[in-house]
């Protein structure tokens, strides 16, 4: 009797937000589109409309929450790795993107419904607004460490926009993966490696910096 009561209590403690997000994903997968209305959606999910509005006020907010969950899972996974703190900044970004794609793979059918086929990297889709905040906060820490270790070079004005450039890279990789039809998404893996290496090569100290330093030296010692 006590066990039966405990089971009923555990069922009643199901996270309503989690149930709504799972129900939304299932609906989109089964119908190939968003629900026509919140009324129809909650009716199919067998919950009260007031319960829906306690958690979300639109389908767009559900999508934002779903994508934030994917990002949080990715961030938690890489930070849980025992060698994470030993990674260089370049390796941390590589680890993030490789893990991000692995997480996305488990939800690819839904993501293909969510991400527009002609996504423009210069525009952040509404459903990624929350992810953008979380990612830029995370990459800011990575870049700060990179500047301290001189893995990237501090440049006037430009270095303050490194995080914006890497966010564009985030959008590029997502759009590339959505269209990737190679076995095991091996082309996406190559795109990640090449784009991250290029980004850090550009942010790192290069011939242009040496030329600027030499120019300053000549100016100061003319």
C-alpha atoms as a PDB file:
ATOM      1  CA  UNK A   1       0.000   0.000   0.000  1.00  0.00           C
ATOM      2  CA  UNK A   2       2.799   2.404   0.944  1.00  0.00           C
ATOM      3  CA  UNK A   3       4.678   1.505  -2.240  1.00  0.00           C
ATOM      4  CA  UNK A   4       1.587   2.250  -4.357  1.00  0.00           C
ATOM      5  CA  UNK A   5       1.209   5.627  -2.630  1.00  0.00           C
ATOM      6  CA  UNK A   6       4.876   6.432  -3.267  1.00  0.00           C
ATOM      7  CA  UNK A   7       4.461   5.538  -6.945  1.00  0.00           C
ATOM      8  CA  UNK A   8       1.476   7.872  -7.272  1.00  0.00           C
ATOM      9  CA  UNK A   9       3.426  10.677  -5.637  1.00  0.00           C
ATOM     10  CA  UNK A  10       6.422  10.169  -7.932  1.00  0.00           C
ATOM     11  CA  UNK A  11       4.144  10.345 -10.979  1.00  0.00           C
ATOM     12  CA  UNK A  12       2.608  13.561  -9.737  1.00  0.00           C
ATOM     13  CA  UNK A  13       6.070  15.102  -9.432  1.00  0.00           C
ATOM     14  CA  UNK A  14       6.799  14.908 -13.172  1.00  0.00           C
ATOM     15  CA  UNK A  15       8.360  18.209 -14.236  1.00  0.00           C
ATOM     16  CA  UNK A  16       5.576  19.959 -16.188  1.00  0.00           C
ATOM     17  CA  UNK A  17       8.047  21.978 -18.295  1.00  0.00           C
ATOM     18  CA  UNK A  18       9.872  18.787 -19.235  1.00  0.00           C
ATOM     19  CA  UNK A  19       6.590  17.108 -20.166  1.00  0.00           C
ATOM     20  CA  UNK A  20       5.576  20.039 -22.361  1.00  0.00           C
ATOM     21  CA  UNK A  21       8.936  20.139 -24.138  1.00  0.00           C
ATOM     22  CA  UNK A  22       8.868  16.391 -24.778  1.00  0.00           C
ATOM     23  CA  UNK A  23       5.276  16.637 -25.971  1.00  0.00           C
ATOM     24  CA  UNK A  24       6.139  19.477 -28.319  1.00  0.00           C
ATOM     25  CA  UNK A  25       9.035  17.542 -29.851  1.00  0.00           C
ATOM     26  CA  UNK A  26       6.827  14.478 -30.352  1.00  0.00           C
ATOM     27  CA  UNK A  27       4.077  16.574 -31.913  1.00  0.00           C
ATOM     28  CA  UNK A  28       6.455  18.195 -34.413  1.00  0.00           C
ATOM     29  CA  UNK A  29       7.978  14.826 -35.317  1.00  0.00           C
ATOM     30  CA  UNK A  30       4.610  13.134 -35.785  1.00  0.00           C
ATOM     31  CA  UNK A  31       2.882  15.970 -37.644  1.00  0.00           C
ATOM     32  CA  UNK A  32       5.813  17.574 -39.446  1.00  0.00           C
ATOM     33  CA  UNK A  33       4.866  21.037 -38.235  1.00  0.00           C
ATOM     34  CA  UNK A  34       4.140  23.099 -35.148  1.00  0.00           C
ATOM     35  CA  UNK A  35       0.741  22.672 -33.474  1.00  0.00           C
ATOM     36  CA  UNK A  36      -1.969  24.870 -34.963  1.00  0.00           C
ATOM     37  CA  UNK A  37      -2.790  26.341 -31.575  1.00  0.00           C
ATOM     38  CA  UNK A  38      -1.963  26.035 -27.914  1.00  0.00           C
ATOM     39  CA  UNK A  39      -5.537  24.882 -27.290  1.00  0.00           C
ATOM     40  CA  UNK A  40      -5.144  21.896 -29.625  1.00  0.00           C
ATOM     41  CA  UNK A  41      -1.685  21.125 -28.284  1.00  0.00           C
ATOM     42  CA  UNK A  42      -2.670  20.977 -24.612  1.00  0.00           C
ATOM     43  CA  UNK A  43      -5.744  18.955 -25.508  1.00  0.00           C
ATOM     44  CA  UNK A  44      -3.574  16.335 -27.214  1.00  0.00           C
ATOM     45  CA  UNK A  45      -1.067  16.443 -24.347  1.00  0.00           C
ATOM     46  CA  UNK A  46      -3.942  16.091 -21.856  1.00  0.00           C
ATOM     47  CA  UNK A  47      -2.970  18.997 -19.639  1.00  0.00           C
ATOM     48  CA  UNK A  48      -4.819  22.150 -18.653  1.00  0.00           C
ATOM     49  CA  UNK A  49      -4.176  25.271 -20.695  1.00  0.00           C
ATOM     50  CA  UNK A  50      -3.418  27.132 -17.460  1.00  0.00           C
ATOM     51  CA  UNK A  51      -0.684  24.553 -16.719  1.00  0.00           C
ATOM     52  CA  UNK A  52       0.885  25.323 -20.084  1.00  0.00           C
ATOM     53  CA  UNK A  53       0.960  29.052 -19.390  1.00  0.00           C
ATOM     54  CA  UNK A  54       2.521  28.432 -15.996  1.00  0.00           C
ATOM     55  CA  UNK A  55       5.629  27.255 -17.872  1.00  0.00           C
ATOM     56  CA  UNK A  56       5.555  28.896 -21.322  1.00  0.00           C
ATOM     57  CA  UNK A  57       3.627  31.604 -23.125  1.00  0.00           C
ATOM     58  CA  UNK A  58       4.271  30.506 -26.711  1.00  0.00           C
ATOM     59  CA  UNK A  59       5.624  27.698 -28.874  1.00  0.00           C
ATOM     60  CA  UNK A  60       8.633  29.901 -29.630  1.00  0.00           C
ATOM     61  CA  UNK A  61       9.549  29.894 -25.935  1.00  0.00           C
ATOM     62  CA  UNK A  62       9.334  26.098 -25.885  1.00  0.00           C
ATOM     63  CA  UNK A  63      11.776  25.925 -28.787  1.00  0.00           C
ATOM     64  CA  UNK A  64      14.173  28.310 -27.054  1.00  0.00           C
ATOM     65  CA  UNK A  65      14.047  26.122 -23.943  1.00  0.00           C
ATOM     66  CA  UNK A  66      14.672  22.941 -25.952  1.00  0.00           C
ATOM     67  CA  UNK A  67      17.751  24.450 -27.600  1.00  0.00           C
ATOM     68  CA  UNK A  68      19.008  25.778 -24.271  1.00  0.00           C
ATOM     69  CA  UNK A  69      18.724  22.240 -22.875  1.00  0.00           C
ATOM     70  CA  UNK A  70      20.887  20.976 -25.759  1.00  0.00           C
ATOM     71  CA  UNK A  71      23.482  23.658 -25.087  1.00  0.00           C
ATOM     72  CA  UNK A  72      23.502  23.028 -21.331  1.00  0.00           C
ATOM     73  CA  UNK A  73      23.945  19.302 -21.927  1.00  0.00           C
ATOM     74  CA  UNK A  74      26.905  20.016 -24.203  1.00  0.00           C
ATOM     75  CA  UNK A  75      28.560  22.418 -21.754  1.00  0.00           C
ATOM     76  CA  UNK A  76      28.040  20.047 -18.824  1.00  0.00           C
ATOM     77  CA  UNK A  77      29.447  17.102 -20.782  1.00  0.00           C
ATOM     78  CA  UNK A  78      32.720  18.767 -21.752  1.00  0.00           C
ATOM     79  CA  UNK A  79      33.253  20.322 -18.323  1.00  0.00           C
ATOM     80  CA  UNK A  80      32.769  16.896 -16.721  1.00  0.00           C
ATOM     81  CA  UNK A  81      35.730  15.490 -18.663  1.00  0.00           C
ATOM     82  CA  UNK A  82      38.679  14.940 -16.339  1.00  0.00           C
ATOM     83  CA  UNK A  83      41.110  16.503 -18.827  1.00  0.00           C
ATOM     84  CA  UNK A  84      38.976  19.563 -19.617  1.00  0.00           C
ATOM     85  CA  UNK A  85      40.988  21.929 -17.402  1.00  0.00           C
ATOM     86  CA  UNK A  86      44.176  20.775 -19.104  1.00  0.00           C
ATOM     87  CA  UNK A  87      42.915  21.673 -22.577  1.00  0.00           C
ATOM     88  CA  UNK A  88      44.225  24.700 -24.394  1.00  0.00           C
ATOM     89  CA  UNK A  89      41.587  27.239 -25.430  1.00  0.00           C
ATOM     90  CA  UNK A  90      41.702  25.895 -28.956  1.00  0.00           C
ATOM     91  CA  UNK A  91      41.102  22.367 -27.675  1.00  0.00           C
ATOM     92  CA  UNK A  92      38.197  23.527 -25.512  1.00  0.00           C
ATOM     93  CA  UNK A  93      36.442  25.054 -28.513  1.00  0.00           C
ATOM     94  CA  UNK A  94      37.084  21.937 -30.579  1.00  0.00           C
ATOM     95  CA  UNK A  95      35.730  19.779 -27.740  1.00  0.00           C
ATOM     96  CA  UNK A  96      32.639  21.956 -27.504  1.00  0.00           C
ATOM     97  CA  UNK A  97      31.773  21.762 -31.199  1.00  0.00           C
ATOM     98  CA  UNK A  98      32.452  18.015 -31.478  1.00  0.00           C
ATOM     99  CA  UNK A  99      30.300  17.369 -28.394  1.00  0.00           C
ATOM    100  CA  UNK A 100      27.617  19.791 -29.607  1.00  0.00           C
ATOM    101  CA  UNK A 101      27.244  17.811 -32.816  1.00  0.00           C
ATOM    102  CA  UNK A 102      27.058  14.529 -30.876  1.00  0.00           C
ATOM    103  CA  UNK A 103      24.242  15.964 -28.758  1.00  0.00           C
ATOM    104  CA  UNK A 104      22.444  17.269 -31.841  1.00  0.00           C
ATOM    105  CA  UNK A 105      22.631  13.846 -33.493  1.00  0.00           C
ATOM    106  CA  UNK A 106      20.257  12.407 -30.901  1.00  0.00           C
ATOM    107  CA  UNK A 107      17.686  15.025 -31.871  1.00  0.00           C
ATOM    108  CA  UNK A 108      18.404  15.425 -35.594  1.00  0.00           C
ATOM    109  CA  UNK A 109      14.856  14.701 -36.800  1.00  0.00           C
ATOM    110  CA  UNK A 110      13.450  17.484 -34.639  1.00  0.00           C
ATOM    111  CA  UNK A 111      16.294  19.860 -35.469  1.00  0.00           C
ATOM    112  CA  UNK A 112      15.731  19.434 -39.193  1.00  0.00           C
ATOM    113  CA  UNK A 113      12.170  20.608 -38.563  1.00  0.00           C
ATOM    114  CA  UNK A 114      13.380  23.501 -36.425  1.00  0.00           C
ATOM    115  CA  UNK A 115      16.330  24.896 -38.388  1.00  0.00           C
ATOM    116  CA  UNK A 116      15.542  26.621 -41.707  1.00  0.00           C
ATOM    117  CA  UNK A 117      17.356  25.114 -44.699  1.00  0.00           C
ATOM    118  CA  UNK A 118      18.572  28.543 -45.773  1.00  0.00           C
ATOM    119  CA  UNK A 119      19.826  29.763 -42.420  1.00  0.00           C
ATOM    120  CA  UNK A 120      21.975  32.882 -42.755  1.00  0.00           C
ATOM    121  CA  UNK A 121      24.994  32.826 -40.399  1.00  0.00           C
ATOM    122  CA  UNK A 122      24.833  36.598 -39.949  1.00  0.00           C
ATOM    123  CA  UNK A 123      21.366  36.378 -38.358  1.00  0.00           C
ATOM    124  CA  UNK A 124      20.683  34.589 -35.083  1.00  0.00           C
ATOM    125  CA  UNK A 125      17.382  32.610 -35.275  1.00  0.00           C
ATOM    126  CA  UNK A 126      14.888  33.344 -32.485  1.00  0.00           C
ATOM    127  CA  UNK A 127      15.187  29.817 -31.096  1.00  0.00           C
ATOM    128  CA  UNK A 128      18.921  30.313 -30.468  1.00  0.00           C
ATOM    129  CA  UNK A 129      18.655  33.584 -28.546  1.00  0.00           C
ATOM    130  CA  UNK A 130      19.084  31.835 -25.193  1.00  0.00           C
ATOM    131  CA  UNK A 131      21.869  29.612 -26.523  1.00  0.00           C
ATOM    132  CA  UNK A 132      23.692  32.703 -27.774  1.00  0.00           C
ATOM    133  CA  UNK A 133      23.764  34.193 -24.281  1.00  0.00           C
ATOM    134  CA  UNK A 134      25.030  30.967 -22.741  1.00  0.00           C
ATOM    135  CA  UNK A 135      27.608  30.324 -25.449  1.00  0.00           C
ATOM    136  CA  UNK A 136      29.007  33.858 -25.393  1.00  0.00           C
ATOM    137  CA  UNK A 137      29.323  33.678 -21.619  1.00  0.00           C
ATOM    138  CA  UNK A 138      31.228  30.386 -21.935  1.00  0.00           C
ATOM    139  CA  UNK A 139      33.449  31.517 -24.812  1.00  0.00           C
ATOM    140  CA  UNK A 140      34.279  34.743 -22.940  1.00  0.00           C
ATOM    141  CA  UNK A 141      35.919  32.621 -20.230  1.00  0.00           C
ATOM    142  CA  UNK A 142      37.787  30.579 -22.840  1.00  0.00           C
ATOM    143  CA  UNK A 143      39.045  33.697 -24.618  1.00  0.00           C
ATOM    144  CA  UNK A 144      40.092  35.346 -21.356  1.00  0.00           C
ATOM    145  CA  UNK A 145      42.214  32.314 -20.601  1.00  0.00           C
ATOM    146  CA  UNK A 146      43.571  32.375 -24.162  1.00  0.00           C
ATOM    147  CA  UNK A 147      44.623  36.005 -23.778  1.00  0.00           C
ATOM    148  CA  UNK A 148      46.337  35.268 -20.469  1.00  0.00           C
ATOM    149  CA  UNK A 149      48.298  32.401 -22.023  1.00  0.00           C
ATOM    150  CA  UNK A 150      48.880  34.462 -25.188  1.00  0.00           C
ATOM    151  CA  UNK A 151      47.165  31.805 -27.272  1.00  0.00           C
ATOM    152  CA  UNK A 152      45.311  34.713 -28.851  1.00  0.00           C
ATOM    153  CA  UNK A 153      46.611  38.239 -29.293  1.00  0.00           C
ATOM    154  CA  UNK A 154      45.018  41.308 -27.737  1.00  0.00           C
ATOM    155  CA  UNK A 155      44.406  43.838 -30.492  1.00  0.00           C
ATOM    156  CA  UNK A 156      42.735  47.269 -30.185  1.00  0.00           C
ATOM    157  CA  UNK A 157      38.971  47.062 -30.869  1.00  0.00           C
ATOM    158  CA  UNK A 158      39.262  43.754 -32.764  1.00  0.00           C
ATOM    159  CA  UNK A 159      39.890  41.512 -29.764  1.00  0.00           C
ATOM    160  CA  UNK A 160      36.699  42.802 -28.130  1.00  0.00           C
ATOM    161  CA  UNK A 161      34.768  41.264 -31.023  1.00  0.00           C
ATOM    162  CA  UNK A 162      36.375  37.811 -30.978  1.00  0.00           C
ATOM    163  CA  UNK A 163      33.319  36.364 -29.242  1.00  0.00           C
ATOM    164  CA  UNK A 164      31.036  37.725 -31.977  1.00  0.00           C
ATOM    165  CA  UNK A 165      33.210  36.112 -34.646  1.00  0.00           C
ATOM    166  CA  UNK A 166      33.109  32.745 -32.872  1.00  0.00           C
ATOM    167  CA  UNK A 167      29.330  32.976 -32.544  1.00  0.00           C
ATOM    168  CA  UNK A 168      29.144  33.359 -36.328  1.00  0.00           C
ATOM    169  CA  UNK A 169      31.308  30.254 -36.484  1.00  0.00           C
ATOM    170  CA  UNK A 170      28.780  28.496 -34.224  1.00  0.00           C
ATOM    171  CA  UNK A 171      25.976  29.353 -36.660  1.00  0.00           C
ATOM    172  CA  UNK A 172      28.081  28.300 -39.642  1.00  0.00           C
ATOM    173  CA  UNK A 173      28.790  24.872 -38.131  1.00  0.00           C
ATOM    174  CA  UNK A 174      25.125  24.322 -37.246  1.00  0.00           C
ATOM    175  CA  UNK A 175      24.022  25.231 -40.775  1.00  0.00           C
ATOM    176  CA  UNK A 176      26.750  23.036 -42.284  1.00  0.00           C
ATOM    177  CA  UNK A 177      25.736  20.035 -40.159  1.00  0.00           C
ATOM    178  CA  UNK A 178      22.053  20.392 -41.055  1.00  0.00           C
ATOM    179  CA  UNK A 179      22.939  20.034 -44.739  1.00  0.00           C
ATOM    180  CA  UNK A 180      25.695  17.430 -44.277  1.00  0.00           C
ATOM    181  CA  UNK A 181      24.826  14.099 -45.900  1.00  0.00           C
ATOM    182  CA  UNK A 182      28.261  12.491 -45.505  1.00  0.00           C
ATOM    183  CA  UNK A 183      28.715   9.199 -43.640  1.00  0.00           C
ATOM    184  CA  UNK A 184      28.943   9.837 -39.912  1.00  0.00           C
ATOM    185  CA  UNK A 185      28.882  13.559 -40.676  1.00  0.00           C
ATOM    186  CA  UNK A 186      32.593  13.359 -41.359  1.00  0.00           C
ATOM    187  CA  UNK A 187      32.458  16.549 -43.434  1.00  0.00           C
ATOM    188  CA  UNK A 188      31.144  18.425 -40.408  1.00  0.00           C
ATOM    189  CA  UNK A 189      34.025  17.071 -38.312  1.00  0.00           C
ATOM    190  CA  UNK A 190      36.442  18.392 -40.939  1.00  0.00           C
ATOM    191  CA  UNK A 191      34.636  21.748 -41.044  1.00  0.00           C
ATOM    192  CA  UNK A 192      34.919  22.044 -37.262  1.00  0.00           C
ATOM    193  CA  UNK A 193      38.637  21.252 -37.236  1.00  0.00           C
ATOM    194  CA  UNK A 194      39.494  23.573 -40.101  1.00  0.00           C
ATOM    195  CA  UNK A 195      37.326  26.489 -38.957  1.00  0.00           C
ATOM    196  CA  UNK A 196      38.513  26.360 -35.328  1.00  0.00           C
ATOM    197  CA  UNK A 197      42.160  26.134 -36.367  1.00  0.00           C
ATOM    198  CA  UNK A 198      41.681  29.035 -38.757  1.00  0.00           C
ATOM    199  CA  UNK A 199      39.970  31.109 -36.060  1.00  0.00           C
ATOM    200  CA  UNK A 200      42.789  30.621 -33.576  1.00  0.00           C
ATOM    201  CA  UNK A 201      45.438  31.173 -36.233  1.00  0.00           C
ATOM    202  CA  UNK A 202      43.786  34.505 -37.061  1.00  0.00           C
ATOM    203  CA  UNK A 203      43.352  35.471 -33.404  1.00  0.00           C
ATOM    204  CA  UNK A 204      46.885  34.370 -32.554  1.00  0.00           C
ATOM    205  CA  UNK A 205      50.064  36.299 -33.118  1.00  0.00           C
ATOM    206  CA  UNK A 206      51.018  36.360 -36.804  1.00  0.00           C
ATOM    207  CA  UNK A 207      53.179  38.164 -39.375  1.00  0.00           C
ATOM    208  CA  UNK A 208      50.890  41.215 -39.330  1.00  0.00           C
ATOM    209  CA  UNK A 209      51.470  41.699 -35.602  1.00  0.00           C
ATOM    210  CA  UNK A 210      55.228  41.456 -36.126  1.00  0.00           C
ATOM    211  CA  UNK A 211      55.004  44.106 -38.845  1.00  0.00           C
ATOM    212  CA  UNK A 212      52.992  46.417 -36.582  1.00  0.00           C
ATOM    213  CA  UNK A 213      55.496  45.972 -33.739  1.00  0.00           C
ATOM    214  CA  UNK A 214      58.371  46.683 -36.097  1.00  0.00           C
ATOM    215  CA  UNK A 215      56.597  49.784 -37.385  1.00  0.00           C
ATOM    216  CA  UNK A 216      56.109  51.022 -33.825  1.00  0.00           C
ATOM    217  CA  UNK A 217      59.775  50.385 -33.111  1.00  0.00           C
ATOM    218  CA  UNK A 218      60.887  52.380 -36.161  1.00  0.00           C
ATOM    219  CA  UNK A 219      58.520  55.227 -35.275  1.00  0.00           C
ATOM    220  CA  UNK A 220      59.768  55.402 -31.678  1.00  0.00           C
ATOM    221  CA  UNK A 221      63.416  55.230 -32.713  1.00  0.00           C
ATOM    222  CA  UNK A 222      63.472  57.447 -35.780  1.00  0.00           C
END
